[in-house]
Protein backbone atom coordinates (compact mmCIF):
# COMPACT_ATOMS: atom_id res chain seq x y z
CA MET A 1 121.13 -313.22 -100.36
CA ARG A 2 121.75 -310.15 -98.23
CA ALA A 3 119.23 -307.32 -98.13
CA PRO A 4 120.12 -304.70 -100.76
CA VAL A 5 119.38 -301.31 -99.14
CA SER A 6 121.45 -299.25 -96.72
CA VAL A 7 119.37 -296.51 -95.08
CA ILE A 8 121.25 -293.30 -94.24
CA ILE A 9 119.78 -290.61 -91.97
CA PRO A 10 121.55 -287.31 -91.23
CA THR A 11 120.81 -286.00 -87.73
CA LEU A 12 121.43 -283.03 -85.48
CA ASN A 13 119.26 -282.94 -82.34
CA GLU A 14 116.40 -284.91 -83.90
CA GLU A 15 114.94 -286.58 -80.82
CA ASP A 16 111.41 -285.41 -81.63
CA GLY A 17 111.07 -286.72 -85.15
CA LEU A 18 113.51 -289.62 -85.27
CA PRO A 19 111.40 -292.26 -83.44
CA THR A 20 108.54 -291.94 -85.95
CA CYS A 21 110.96 -291.97 -88.87
CA LEU A 22 112.57 -295.14 -87.54
CA GLY A 23 109.22 -296.76 -86.83
CA ALA A 24 108.28 -296.59 -90.51
CA LEU A 25 111.53 -298.31 -91.46
CA PHE A 26 110.68 -301.56 -89.66
CA GLU A 27 108.49 -302.49 -92.62
CA GLY A 28 111.66 -302.75 -94.71
CA VAL A 29 113.36 -304.94 -92.13
CA SER A 30 110.42 -307.36 -92.13
CA ALA A 31 110.36 -307.39 -95.94
CA GLY A 32 114.08 -308.18 -96.15
CA VAL A 33 114.85 -304.91 -97.94
CA ILE A 34 116.97 -303.08 -95.36
CA ARG A 35 120.51 -304.32 -94.88
CA GLU A 36 121.66 -301.70 -92.36
CA LEU A 37 120.78 -298.38 -90.80
CA ILE A 38 123.37 -295.63 -90.62
CA VAL A 39 122.86 -292.40 -88.68
CA ALA A 40 125.33 -289.69 -89.69
CA ASP A 41 125.23 -287.38 -86.70
CA GLY A 42 126.48 -283.81 -86.65
CA GLY A 43 126.99 -283.56 -82.89
CA SER A 44 123.57 -284.05 -81.30
CA GLU A 45 123.25 -283.02 -77.65
CA ASP A 46 119.76 -284.42 -77.05
CA ALA A 47 118.54 -288.05 -77.04
CA THR A 48 119.17 -288.60 -80.76
CA LEU A 49 122.15 -290.93 -80.28
CA ARG A 50 120.38 -293.01 -77.66
CA ILE A 51 117.36 -293.43 -79.92
CA ALA A 52 119.57 -294.38 -82.86
CA GLY A 53 121.48 -296.90 -80.76
CA GLU A 54 118.30 -298.53 -79.46
CA ALA A 55 117.18 -298.97 -83.08
CA GLY A 56 120.40 -300.79 -83.93
CA ALA A 57 121.85 -298.05 -86.09
CA GLU A 58 125.53 -297.56 -86.74
CA VAL A 59 126.29 -293.98 -85.71
CA VAL A 60 128.84 -292.07 -87.78
CA PRO A 61 130.09 -288.89 -86.01
CA CYS A 62 130.41 -285.98 -88.43
CA VAL A 63 131.07 -282.27 -88.64
CA PRO A 64 127.60 -280.63 -88.86
CA SER A 65 126.95 -280.16 -92.58
CA ARG A 66 124.14 -282.12 -94.14
CA GLY A 67 125.95 -282.72 -97.43
CA GLY A 68 129.03 -283.91 -95.58
CA GLN A 69 126.95 -286.06 -93.25
CA LEU A 70 125.17 -287.76 -96.15
CA ARG A 71 128.48 -288.30 -97.90
CA ALA A 72 130.05 -289.81 -94.76
CA GLY A 73 127.08 -292.10 -94.24
CA ALA A 74 127.25 -293.33 -97.83
CA ALA A 75 130.97 -294.04 -97.46
CA LYS A 76 130.19 -296.39 -94.54
CA ALA A 77 127.29 -298.14 -96.26
CA GLN A 78 127.63 -301.69 -97.59
CA GLY A 79 124.41 -302.04 -99.59
CA GLU A 80 124.01 -302.10 -103.37
CA TRP A 81 121.38 -299.40 -102.94
CA LEU A 82 121.37 -296.29 -100.76
CA LEU A 83 118.20 -294.80 -99.30
CA PHE A 84 118.68 -291.31 -97.87
CA VAL A 85 115.92 -290.23 -95.47
CA HIS A 86 115.65 -287.08 -93.36
CA ALA A 87 115.03 -287.63 -89.65
CA ASP A 88 111.66 -285.82 -89.72
CA THR A 89 110.42 -287.72 -92.79
CA VAL A 90 108.15 -290.75 -92.51
CA LEU A 91 108.01 -293.22 -95.40
CA PRO A 92 104.52 -294.23 -96.57
CA GLU A 93 102.92 -297.55 -95.79
CA GLY A 94 103.94 -300.02 -98.49
CA TRP A 95 107.16 -298.19 -99.30
CA SER A 96 109.23 -301.36 -99.28
CA ALA A 97 107.22 -302.82 -102.18
CA SER A 98 107.71 -299.59 -104.15
CA ILE A 99 111.43 -299.82 -103.60
CA GLU A 100 111.66 -303.52 -104.44
CA ALA A 101 109.92 -302.81 -107.75
CA HIS A 102 112.55 -300.20 -108.55
CA LEU A 103 115.65 -302.25 -107.79
CA ALA A 104 116.14 -303.46 -111.36
CA GLN A 105 116.63 -299.86 -112.53
CA TYR A 106 120.23 -299.23 -111.55
CA GLU A 107 120.52 -296.20 -113.82
CA ARG A 108 117.61 -294.27 -112.31
CA ALA A 109 117.23 -292.82 -108.81
CA GLY A 110 113.83 -292.82 -107.12
CA TYR A 111 112.06 -290.34 -104.85
CA PHE A 112 108.62 -290.09 -103.26
CA GLY A 113 105.94 -287.46 -103.45
CA LEU A 114 105.72 -285.03 -100.54
CA SER A 115 102.98 -284.40 -98.00
CA PHE A 116 102.93 -282.61 -94.66
CA GLU A 117 101.66 -283.89 -91.35
CA LYS A 118 98.66 -281.75 -90.41
CA GLY A 119 99.39 -279.36 -93.25
CA LYS A 120 95.77 -278.38 -94.01
CA LEU A 121 95.17 -276.24 -97.11
CA THR A 122 98.38 -274.20 -96.99
CA GLY A 123 100.44 -277.32 -96.43
CA LYS A 124 98.76 -279.00 -99.40
CA LEU A 125 99.62 -276.01 -101.58
CA VAL A 126 103.28 -276.06 -100.49
CA ALA A 127 103.48 -279.83 -101.02
CA GLY A 128 101.77 -279.44 -104.39
CA TRP A 129 104.44 -276.99 -105.50
CA ALA A 130 107.18 -279.36 -104.30
CA ASN A 131 105.69 -282.24 -106.27
CA PHE A 132 105.26 -280.05 -109.37
CA ARG A 133 108.87 -278.85 -109.07
CA SER A 134 110.11 -282.43 -108.76
CA ARG A 135 108.13 -283.68 -111.74
CA ILE A 136 108.61 -280.79 -114.17
CA PHE A 137 112.09 -279.55 -113.25
CA GLY A 138 113.61 -282.75 -111.84
CA LEU A 139 114.42 -281.12 -108.48
CA PRO A 140 113.19 -283.28 -105.59
CA TYR A 141 114.39 -282.14 -102.17
CA GLY A 142 115.94 -284.36 -99.53
CA ASP A 143 112.78 -284.52 -97.45
CA GLN A 144 111.21 -286.59 -100.24
CA ALA A 145 113.82 -289.35 -99.61
CA LEU A 146 116.18 -290.53 -102.32
CA LEU A 147 116.83 -294.11 -103.45
CA ILE A 148 119.91 -294.52 -105.63
CA SER A 149 122.08 -297.46 -106.61
CA ARG A 150 125.64 -297.34 -105.38
CA ARG A 151 126.76 -297.69 -108.98
CA LEU A 152 124.93 -294.53 -110.05
CA TYR A 153 125.79 -292.65 -106.85
CA GLU A 154 129.50 -293.20 -107.40
CA GLU A 155 129.24 -292.47 -111.12
CA VAL A 156 127.85 -288.96 -110.49
CA GLY A 157 130.15 -288.25 -107.53
CA GLY A 158 127.58 -288.53 -104.73
CA PHE A 159 126.52 -285.74 -102.41
CA SER A 160 128.72 -282.68 -102.27
CA ASP A 161 130.14 -281.74 -98.87
CA ILE A 162 128.21 -278.47 -98.70
CA PRO A 163 126.04 -277.07 -95.88
CA LEU A 164 122.94 -276.37 -98.00
CA MET A 165 121.44 -277.36 -101.36
CA GLU A 166 123.22 -280.71 -101.41
CA ASP A 167 119.98 -282.34 -102.55
CA VAL A 168 119.48 -279.90 -105.43
CA ALA A 169 123.13 -280.23 -106.46
CA LEU A 170 122.81 -284.01 -106.76
CA ALA A 171 119.45 -283.79 -108.55
CA ARG A 172 120.93 -281.42 -111.13
CA VAL A 173 123.82 -283.80 -111.81
CA LEU A 174 121.42 -286.71 -112.21
CA GLY A 175 119.05 -284.78 -114.46
CA ARG A 176 115.34 -285.39 -114.86
CA ALA A 177 115.90 -288.40 -117.15
CA ARG A 178 117.62 -290.31 -114.32
CA LEU A 179 115.03 -289.49 -111.65
CA GLN A 180 111.79 -291.40 -111.19
CA ARG A 181 108.88 -290.70 -108.89
CA LEU A 182 108.05 -293.73 -106.74
CA PRO A 183 104.48 -294.57 -105.73
CA GLY A 184 103.28 -292.96 -102.50
CA HIS A 185 103.95 -289.81 -100.50
CA VAL A 186 106.30 -289.39 -97.58
CA THR A 187 105.01 -287.34 -94.65
CA THR A 188 107.31 -284.69 -93.27
CA SER A 189 107.06 -282.46 -90.23
CA PRO A 190 105.61 -278.97 -90.76
CA ARG A 191 107.21 -277.56 -87.62
CA LYS A 192 109.56 -275.14 -89.40
CA TYR A 193 106.72 -273.86 -91.57
CA GLN A 194 104.43 -273.48 -88.58
CA ALA A 195 107.12 -271.64 -86.60
CA GLN A 196 107.94 -269.18 -89.39
CA GLY A 197 104.64 -269.09 -91.27
CA TRP A 198 103.81 -271.25 -94.30
CA LEU A 199 104.07 -268.49 -96.89
CA ARG A 200 107.14 -266.89 -95.35
CA ARG A 201 109.00 -270.19 -95.10
CA GLY A 202 107.91 -271.28 -98.58
CA GLY A 203 108.95 -267.96 -100.08
CA ARG A 204 112.28 -268.12 -98.28
CA ASN A 205 112.96 -271.59 -99.66
CA LEU A 206 112.06 -270.49 -103.19
CA TRP A 207 114.29 -267.41 -102.91
CA THR A 208 117.18 -269.56 -101.66
CA LEU A 209 116.71 -272.00 -104.55
CA GLY A 210 116.66 -269.17 -107.07
CA ARG A 211 119.85 -267.65 -105.69
CA TYR A 212 121.57 -271.05 -105.74
CA LEU A 213 120.58 -271.65 -109.36
CA CYS A 214 121.98 -268.20 -110.18
CA GLY A 215 125.37 -269.20 -108.79
CA VAL A 216 125.41 -268.02 -105.15
CA SER A 217 127.62 -270.36 -103.11
CA PRO A 218 126.02 -272.85 -100.67
CA GLU A 219 128.19 -271.44 -97.88
CA LYS A 220 126.87 -267.91 -98.43
CA LEU A 221 123.30 -269.21 -98.69
CA ALA A 222 123.69 -271.21 -95.47
CA ALA A 223 124.96 -268.14 -93.60
CA ALA A 224 121.98 -266.09 -94.80
CA TYR A 225 119.59 -268.95 -94.05
CA ARG A 226 120.68 -269.09 -90.42
CA LEU A 227 120.11 -265.34 -89.99
CA GLN A 228 116.53 -265.42 -91.27
């Protein structure tokens, strides 16, 4: 029987984080969980494509738009299950067992808890809010990884081809009843928070989410996000 999970990673100049992300995936290869690795690349100009090729990934060239990249990667995937992982996210040790235990639940998507690499107290507070938001409101972000059966993914229409909030859009379509927290916490890079300040970046993300939920278009949000 072929391995059930296609892993899809959207990239755009991710040479710094991608090797660690890929390193954590080898557990799934050894466990017979991962069928294929697809990197949906938005036009990287650094070593991202070389790193992906050395890992045996199929590279799908895309227009840079994370929603569109995720959608293109899913269209290429052959697995019964799709695991979407950001390039600066590292799955926790033992993740493959957590995923195998979930594979009977075709009608529910799974996501992990969030933690930050070297986040200290402020990082723990930001991660705590993210985990609270995911549990209470059913709004996990893409950096928490998403495991979803192809059946359910196609039923809800998959990721929208939008430049921002593609993860929230899909979570809202799924609804809290069809989302399940998986055991363990992914570790994601804090570099954007460290560069902009933890509180400033966190507040900016919350403001962007609020505007999106109030009906502001993803295109307008993405334009404002780039200017900040």
